[in-house]
Amino acid sequence: MTVNLEVAEGVGTIRLDRPPMNALDVTTQDRLRELAEEAARRDDVRAVVLYGGEKVFAAGADIKEMQEMDHTAMVLRSRALQDSFTAVARIPKPVVAAITGYALGGGCELALCADYRIAADNAKLGQPEILLGLIPGAGGTQRLSRLVGPSKAKDLIFTGRMVKADEALQIGLVDRVVPAAEVYEQAHAWAAKLVQGPALALRAAKESIDAGLETDIDTGLTIERNWFAGLFATEDRERGMRSFVEEGPGKAKFL
């Protein structure tokens, strides 16, 4: 399989495995969607790590495969392409990308689907589609501009240039830069510390933030208010407040 899901102690690792560069061909895209949907469904998955291995995250689409597609073929395929990445973005659990080596084109777009991004100090990210006479087609024009702002997104997309890890951190494209040998370990640790958290509250927080960013402030506040009030019906809320009153903050144990 070109993508695998491995689960241990509540953390699901979605691992790209298409050597040498994890090129995202149609088969890999479809498999990615299937495993993202599986991770979303499974109760034993409480947080997710996106990982491409020690050498490369994903160097982009399979250009040779795309070269064979005409306009009609891509009209038929483009929705499925976006849907595979959207399935990752909509996993209702914390998702962290562990970025090693290159994360270019579709690889960068996949990293954008995570909630948090930890990059190796030798990582390089970018949206080079313009150099092929194209634009990003798996969410890059939308997710990148929302993350780093329209001006920085336009710079990266217009020029197709790659940014090194330090610049990616500076512009907010990644959230942490660590030695290459520690990327997966630190990403897994980020996910693992959330495994013991209140699953419904984490889901509510993620959906409130993501949905709120797509609308006006009043609608966003309504989304937040509805989730906030709804959590008062959960056992996790009862556990959290009881523990706070009886033991002090930060000691609650959730299911």
Protein backbone atom coordinates (compact mmCIF):
# COMPACT_ATOMS: atom_id res chain seq x y z
CA MET A 1 0.00 0.00 0.00
CA THR A 2 1.20 3.54 -0.74
CA VAL A 3 -0.33 4.87 2.50
CA ASN A 4 -0.70 3.02 5.79
CA LEU A 5 -2.42 3.66 9.10
CA GLU A 6 -0.65 2.42 12.21
CA VAL A 7 -2.32 2.83 15.62
CA ALA A 8 -0.62 2.58 19.00
CA GLU A 9 -1.79 3.90 22.37
CA GLY A 10 -4.37 6.20 20.86
CA VAL A 11 -2.14 7.80 18.23
CA GLY A 12 -2.78 6.95 14.58
CA THR A 13 0.10 7.51 12.19
CA ILE A 14 -0.91 8.00 8.57
CA ARG A 15 2.32 7.09 6.82
CA LEU A 16 3.03 7.82 3.16
CA ASP A 17 5.05 4.98 1.70
CA ARG A 18 5.71 5.47 -2.00
CA PRO A 19 9.49 5.64 -2.45
CA PRO A 20 11.55 7.45 -3.35
CA MET A 21 9.69 10.78 -3.05
CA ASN A 22 6.15 9.86 -1.95
CA ALA A 23 4.71 11.27 -5.16
CA LEU A 24 0.95 11.63 -4.72
CA ASP A 25 -0.51 9.68 -7.62
CA VAL A 26 -4.23 8.90 -7.98
CA THR A 27 -3.93 5.63 -6.07
CA THR A 28 -2.16 7.36 -3.19
CA GLN A 29 -4.73 10.16 -3.11
CA ASP A 30 -7.61 7.72 -2.91
CA ARG A 31 -5.88 5.65 -0.24
CA LEU A 32 -5.19 8.80 1.76
CA ARG A 33 -8.89 9.65 1.76
CA GLU A 34 -9.85 6.13 2.85
CA LEU A 35 -7.43 6.14 5.77
CA ALA A 36 -8.35 9.66 6.85
CA GLU A 37 -11.99 8.60 6.99
CA GLU A 38 -11.00 5.46 8.90
CA ALA A 39 -8.98 7.47 11.41
CA ALA A 40 -11.97 9.78 11.85
CA ARG A 41 -14.27 6.82 12.61
CA ARG A 42 -12.08 4.73 14.88
CA ASP A 43 -12.57 5.17 18.61
CA ASP A 44 -9.04 3.88 19.30
CA VAL A 45 -7.58 6.82 17.32
CA ARG A 46 -7.59 9.94 19.49
CA ALA A 47 -4.94 11.97 17.60
CA VAL A 48 -3.17 11.64 14.26
CA VAL A 49 0.37 12.12 12.91
CA LEU A 50 0.95 12.67 9.18
CA TYR A 51 4.38 11.32 8.24
CA GLY A 52 6.29 10.57 5.08
CA GLY A 53 9.30 8.85 6.59
CA GLU A 54 12.79 9.94 7.60
CA LYS A 55 13.87 11.38 4.23
CA VAL A 56 10.88 13.09 2.62
CA PHE A 57 7.34 14.12 3.51
CA ALA A 58 5.97 14.30 -0.04
CA ALA A 59 7.55 15.94 -3.08
CA GLY A 60 4.23 16.61 -4.80
CA ALA A 61 1.95 15.10 -7.40
CA ASP A 62 3.00 12.40 -9.83
CA ILE A 63 3.86 14.69 -12.75
CA LYS A 64 4.24 11.87 -15.26
CA GLU A 65 0.73 10.68 -14.42
CA MET A 66 -0.67 14.21 -14.64
CA GLN A 67 1.03 14.84 -17.97
CA GLU A 68 -1.16 12.16 -19.52
CA MET A 69 -4.37 13.86 -18.40
CA ASP A 70 -6.24 16.25 -20.66
CA HIS A 71 -8.75 18.88 -19.60
CA THR A 72 -11.66 16.46 -19.48
CA ALA A 73 -9.72 13.96 -17.39
CA MET A 74 -8.74 16.61 -14.84
CA VAL A 75 -12.26 18.03 -14.67
CA LEU A 76 -13.36 14.54 -13.65
CA ARG A 77 -10.42 14.03 -11.28
CA SER A 78 -9.97 17.42 -9.58
CA ARG A 79 -12.86 17.02 -7.14
CA ALA A 80 -11.57 13.63 -5.97
CA LEU A 81 -8.11 15.18 -5.57
CA GLN A 82 -9.45 17.93 -3.32
CA ASP A 83 -11.72 15.51 -1.46
CA SER A 84 -8.77 13.34 -0.46
CA PHE A 85 -7.05 16.29 1.22
CA THR A 86 -10.28 17.65 2.70
CA ALA A 87 -10.84 14.26 4.35
CA VAL A 88 -7.56 14.80 6.21
CA ALA A 89 -8.46 18.38 7.15
CA ARG A 90 -11.82 17.22 8.51
CA ILE A 91 -10.53 14.48 10.79
CA PRO A 92 -12.36 15.58 13.98
CA LYS A 93 -9.29 14.97 16.13
CA PRO A 94 -5.95 16.75 16.60
CA VAL A 95 -3.67 16.22 13.59
CA VAL A 96 0.04 17.05 13.44
CA ALA A 97 2.28 16.90 10.37
CA ALA A 98 5.83 15.59 10.87
CA ILE A 99 7.67 17.18 7.94
CA THR A 100 11.00 15.82 6.78
CA GLY A 101 12.87 16.74 3.60
CA TYR A 102 10.66 18.07 0.84
CA ALA A 103 7.01 19.08 1.25
CA LEU A 104 6.26 20.51 -2.17
CA GLY A 105 3.09 21.00 -4.17
CA GLY A 106 0.64 18.39 -2.99
CA GLY A 107 3.02 17.57 -0.14
CA CYS A 108 2.82 21.13 1.14
CA GLU A 109 -0.94 21.09 0.65
CA LEU A 110 -1.17 17.91 2.72
CA ALA A 111 0.81 19.53 5.53
CA LEU A 112 -1.60 22.47 5.41
CA CYS A 113 -4.43 20.06 6.30
CA ALA A 114 -2.90 19.43 9.73
CA ASP A 115 -3.69 21.44 12.84
CA TYR A 116 -0.01 21.80 13.74
CA ARG A 117 3.21 21.37 11.76
CA ILE A 118 6.61 20.26 13.08
CA ALA A 119 9.40 20.49 10.51
CA ALA A 120 12.93 19.15 10.34
CA ASP A 121 15.65 21.79 10.28
CA ASN A 122 16.53 20.64 6.75
CA ALA A 123 12.94 20.69 5.45
CA LYS A 124 11.96 22.63 2.35
CA LEU A 125 8.38 23.62 1.59
CA GLY A 126 6.71 25.28 -1.36
CA GLN A 127 4.01 25.43 -4.02
CA PRO A 128 5.92 25.14 -7.32
CA GLU A 129 2.87 24.49 -9.54
CA ILE A 130 3.31 27.84 -11.32
CA LEU A 131 6.53 26.47 -12.83
CA LEU A 132 4.39 23.88 -14.62
CA GLY A 133 1.95 26.48 -15.89
CA LEU A 134 -0.54 25.53 -13.17
CA ILE A 135 -1.77 26.66 -9.76
CA PRO A 136 -2.15 24.56 -6.61
CA GLY A 137 -5.20 22.34 -6.99
CA ALA A 138 -5.49 20.44 -3.71
CA GLY A 139 -6.34 23.39 -1.48
CA GLY A 140 -3.11 25.39 -1.63
CA THR A 141 -4.58 28.69 -2.78
CA GLN A 142 -7.14 28.53 0.01
CA ARG A 143 -5.43 26.93 3.01
CA LEU A 144 -2.06 28.61 2.50
CA SER A 145 -3.57 32.10 2.31
CA ARG A 146 -5.64 31.46 5.43
CA LEU A 147 -2.56 30.26 7.31
CA VAL A 148 0.12 32.79 6.34
CA GLY A 149 -1.98 35.61 4.87
CA PRO A 150 -2.67 36.49 1.24
CA SER A 151 0.53 38.44 0.53
CA LYS A 152 2.91 35.71 1.70
CA ALA A 153 0.78 33.07 -0.02
CA LYS A 154 0.90 34.99 -3.29
CA ASP A 155 4.67 35.33 -3.02
CA LEU A 156 5.09 31.58 -2.64
CA ILE A 157 2.50 30.67 -5.29
CA PHE A 158 3.46 33.35 -7.85
CA THR A 159 7.18 32.52 -7.70
CA GLY A 160 7.00 28.79 -6.99
CA ARG A 161 10.00 29.17 -4.73
CA MET A 162 10.89 26.80 -1.92
CA VAL A 163 11.35 28.07 1.63
CA LYS A 164 13.69 26.52 4.13
CA ALA A 165 12.54 25.56 7.59
CA ASP A 166 13.68 28.77 9.28
CA GLU A 167 11.74 30.97 6.86
CA ALA A 168 8.74 28.65 7.04
CA LEU A 169 8.74 29.14 10.81
CA GLN A 170 9.12 32.90 10.46
CA ILE A 171 6.09 33.27 8.17
CA GLY A 172 3.93 30.82 10.12
CA LEU A 173 3.94 28.01 7.58
CA VAL A 174 5.27 25.65 10.25
CA ASP A 175 4.94 25.87 14.02
CA ARG A 176 8.15 24.28 15.27
CA VAL A 177 11.55 23.40 13.79
CA VAL A 178 13.56 20.56 15.33
CA PRO A 179 16.58 18.43 14.40
CA ALA A 180 15.71 16.05 11.57
CA ALA A 181 16.20 12.96 13.71
CA GLU A 182 13.59 14.20 16.21
CA VAL A 183 10.72 15.17 13.89
CA TYR A 184 8.54 12.09 14.24
CA GLU A 185 9.34 11.67 17.94
CA GLN A 186 8.26 15.22 18.73
CA ALA A 187 5.18 15.05 16.50
CA HIS A 188 4.14 11.81 18.17
CA ALA A 189 4.70 13.36 21.60
CA TRP A 190 2.48 16.33 20.64
CA ALA A 191 -0.27 13.92 19.60
CA ALA A 192 0.21 11.59 22.57
CA LYS A 193 -0.28 14.32 25.16
CA LEU A 194 -3.74 14.98 23.66
CA VAL A 195 -4.80 11.32 23.67
CA GLN A 196 -5.77 11.60 27.34
CA GLY A 197 -7.72 14.80 26.77
CA PRO A 198 -11.51 15.17 26.50
CA ALA A 199 -12.27 13.90 23.00
CA LEU A 200 -15.54 15.76 22.53
CA ALA A 201 -14.13 19.06 23.76
CA LEU A 202 -11.14 18.70 21.44
CA ARG A 203 -13.50 18.00 18.55
CA ALA A 204 -15.63 21.00 19.53
CA ALA A 205 -12.58 23.26 19.69
CA LYS A 206 -11.32 22.14 16.29
CA GLU A 207 -14.68 22.45 14.55
CA SER A 208 -15.40 25.82 16.17
CA ILE A 209 -12.08 27.26 15.01
CA ASP A 210 -12.20 25.78 11.51
CA ALA A 211 -15.85 26.60 10.85
CA GLY A 212 -15.53 30.03 12.43
CA LEU A 213 -12.68 30.98 10.11
CA GLU A 214 -14.98 30.41 7.15
CA THR A 215 -17.68 32.83 8.28
CA ASP A 216 -18.37 36.20 9.92
CA ILE A 217 -17.70 36.83 13.62
CA ASP A 218 -21.35 36.67 14.68
CA THR A 219 -21.88 33.29 13.02
CA GLY A 220 -18.59 32.10 14.48
CA LEU A 221 -19.71 33.11 17.96
CA THR A 222 -22.94 31.19 17.44
CA ILE A 223 -20.98 28.09 16.46
CA GLU A 224 -18.82 28.48 19.57
CA ARG A 225 -21.80 29.09 21.86
CA ASN A 226 -23.65 26.01 20.62
CA TRP A 227 -20.63 23.76 21.11
CA PHE A 228 -19.85 25.32 24.50
CA ALA A 229 -23.37 24.76 25.82
CA GLY A 230 -23.56 21.27 24.28
CA LEU A 231 -20.47 20.13 26.17
CA PHE A 232 -22.37 20.62 29.42
CA ALA A 233 -24.22 17.41 28.51
CA THR A 234 -21.03 15.33 28.43
CA GLU A 235 -19.44 13.09 31.03
CA ASP A 236 -16.07 14.69 30.28
CA ARG A 237 -17.38 18.06 31.45
CA GLU A 238 -18.64 16.47 34.66
CA ARG A 239 -15.29 14.76 35.24
CA GLY A 240 -13.30 17.89 34.49
CA MET A 241 -15.25 20.19 36.77
CA ARG A 242 -15.51 17.67 39.60
CA SER A 243 -11.77 17.07 39.48
CA PHE A 244 -11.08 20.80 39.47
CA VAL A 245 -13.23 21.39 42.55
CA GLU A 246 -11.94 18.36 44.47
CA GLU A 247 -8.29 18.15 43.38
CA GLY A 248 -7.37 21.44 41.72
CA PRO A 249 -6.66 22.26 38.05
CA GLY A 250 -5.08 19.94 35.51
CA LYS A 251 -5.66 16.60 37.26
CA ALA A 252 -8.80 15.34 35.52
CA LYS A 253 -8.66 11.92 33.87
CA PHE A 254 -10.91 11.59 30.83
CA LEU A 255 -12.13 8.43 29.12
